Amino acid sequence: MPKDDFDHDPDGPDRGREHLEVLRETIARNRDLGWEEYDESYAFTILGDGTIRVSAANDGTGNGDRDRDGIDRPIEREVEHLVSLEEGQVVDCNCHVAQRPVGRPSCRHMRAVEAHPRL
């Protein structure tokens, strides 16, 4: 399914690709990413008080959705997610991983916003 089909559902941006999101989250947790890696991977847009849009960073090559080899793979595709803040603290994300009923509600998008030096 093309990336654009997922971009238009802010309530369920990962619908149809939940298994891929769980894999991506597992990889991200195992890599223990820092701000530099998040900065390379994501673009941050403040939408309003308490909401940050986290989307794939455009690396200037036009390959924002492609892996390092320039190959478009579903596991490499990142869709836009909304991270919520309350009193300056990250509290929620609309991604599948953060919405699961098990474990601490945390995801790579929330960790990326937490790591951002100016948010």
Protein backbone atom coordinates (compact mmCIF):
# COMPACT_ATOMS: atom_id res chain seq x y z
CA MET A 1 0.00 0.00 0.00
CA PRO A 2 1.49 3.40 -0.88
CA LYS A 3 2.60 5.69 1.93
CA ASP A 4 -0.05 8.29 1.06
CA ASP A 5 -2.82 5.87 2.02
CA PHE A 6 -1.66 6.04 5.66
CA ASP A 7 -1.01 9.77 5.89
CA HIS A 8 -4.68 10.71 5.94
CA ASP A 9 -5.69 8.93 9.14
CA PRO A 10 -4.39 10.90 12.13
CA ASP A 11 -6.24 8.63 14.56
CA GLY A 12 -4.66 5.46 13.16
CA PRO A 13 -1.56 6.36 11.15
CA ASP A 14 -0.18 2.82 11.46
CA ARG A 15 -3.35 1.02 10.40
CA GLY A 16 -2.40 -1.93 8.23
CA ARG A 17 1.25 -1.82 9.21
CA GLU A 18 1.12 -2.51 12.94
CA HIS A 19 3.47 -5.49 12.67
CA LEU A 20 6.06 -3.29 10.95
CA GLU A 21 5.74 -0.63 13.62
CA VAL A 22 6.38 -3.20 16.35
CA LEU A 23 9.53 -4.32 14.50
CA ARG A 24 10.71 -0.74 14.04
CA GLU A 25 10.12 -0.02 17.71
CA THR A 26 12.06 -3.12 18.75
CA ILE A 27 14.96 -2.08 16.54
CA ALA A 28 14.88 1.48 17.90
CA ARG A 29 14.81 0.31 21.54
CA ASN A 30 17.74 -2.04 20.95
CA ARG A 31 19.79 0.71 19.32
CA ASP A 32 19.26 3.10 22.26
CA LEU A 33 19.15 6.14 19.97
CA GLY A 34 20.37 9.58 20.96
CA TRP A 35 19.43 13.05 19.73
CA GLU A 36 21.78 12.88 16.72
CA GLU A 37 20.04 9.78 15.33
CA TYR A 38 16.58 11.21 15.97
CA ASP A 39 17.62 14.47 14.31
CA GLU A 40 18.71 12.55 11.19
CA SER A 41 15.51 10.48 11.09
CA TYR A 42 12.74 12.90 12.04
CA ALA A 43 11.39 16.37 11.37
CA PHE A 44 9.45 18.07 14.17
CA THR A 45 6.58 20.51 13.66
CA ILE A 46 4.80 22.29 16.50
CA LEU A 47 1.09 22.15 15.65
CA GLY A 48 -0.19 23.90 18.72
CA ASP A 49 0.26 24.07 22.42
CA GLY A 50 0.95 20.49 23.43
CA THR A 51 1.06 18.78 20.02
CA ILE A 52 4.15 17.95 17.97
CA ARG A 53 4.05 16.30 14.54
CA VAL A 54 6.91 13.84 14.07
CA SER A 55 7.51 12.96 10.42
CA ALA A 56 10.28 11.45 8.33
CA ALA A 57 13.20 13.82 7.81
CA ASN A 58 13.99 14.73 4.25
CA ASP A 59 17.71 14.19 3.91
CA GLY A 60 17.97 16.44 0.87
CA THR A 61 18.32 13.51 -1.53
CA GLY A 62 14.61 13.11 -2.13
CA ASN A 63 14.85 9.71 -0.45
CA GLY A 64 12.90 10.57 2.71
CA ASP A 65 11.15 7.19 2.61
CA ARG A 66 14.03 5.13 1.28
CA ASP A 67 16.73 3.25 3.14
CA ARG A 68 20.44 4.10 2.90
CA ASP A 69 20.71 2.15 -0.38
CA GLY A 70 17.90 4.22 -1.92
CA ILE A 71 15.54 1.25 -1.94
CA ASP A 72 11.93 1.79 -0.92
CA ARG A 73 11.13 -0.87 1.69
CA PRO A 74 7.98 -0.95 3.83
CA ILE A 75 10.03 -1.36 7.01
CA GLU A 76 11.85 1.91 6.23
CA ARG A 77 8.72 3.98 5.62
CA GLU A 78 7.84 6.42 8.35
CA VAL A 79 4.45 8.09 8.47
CA GLU A 80 3.49 11.18 10.43
CA HIS A 81 2.66 10.77 14.10
CA LEU A 82 1.32 13.18 16.69
CA VAL A 83 2.98 13.38 20.09
CA SER A 84 1.13 15.08 22.94
CA LEU A 85 2.70 17.05 25.77
CA GLU A 86 1.27 18.17 29.09
CA GLU A 87 3.12 20.75 31.16
CA GLY A 88 6.22 20.21 29.02
CA GLN A 89 6.24 16.43 29.48
CA VAL A 90 5.63 13.87 26.72
CA VAL A 91 2.47 11.92 27.58
CA ASP A 92 1.10 10.26 24.44
CA CYS A 93 1.55 9.39 20.77
CA ASN A 94 -1.01 8.24 18.22
CA CYS A 95 1.23 5.43 16.94
CA HIS A 96 0.31 1.76 17.35
CA VAL A 97 3.15 1.05 19.77
CA ALA A 98 2.16 3.78 22.25
CA GLN A 99 -1.52 2.77 22.07
CA ARG A 100 -0.99 -0.89 22.97
CA PRO A 101 -2.52 -1.86 26.31
CA VAL A 102 0.68 -3.59 27.50
CA GLY A 103 3.80 -2.02 28.91
CA ARG A 104 4.70 1.60 29.50
CA PRO A 105 3.09 3.92 26.92
CA SER A 106 6.29 4.92 25.16
CA CYS A 107 7.58 4.85 21.61
CA ARG A 108 10.44 6.12 19.48
CA HIS A 109 8.40 9.21 18.52
CA MET A 110 7.91 10.13 22.17
CA ARG A 111 11.59 9.49 22.93
CA ALA A 112 12.57 11.66 19.93
CA VAL A 113 10.50 14.58 21.26
CA GLU A 114 11.92 14.04 24.77
CA ALA A 115 15.46 14.12 23.32
CA HIS A 116 14.82 17.31 21.31
CA PRO A 117 16.95 20.04 22.88
CA ARG A 118 14.36 22.81 22.33
CA LEU A 119 10.96 21.19 22.80
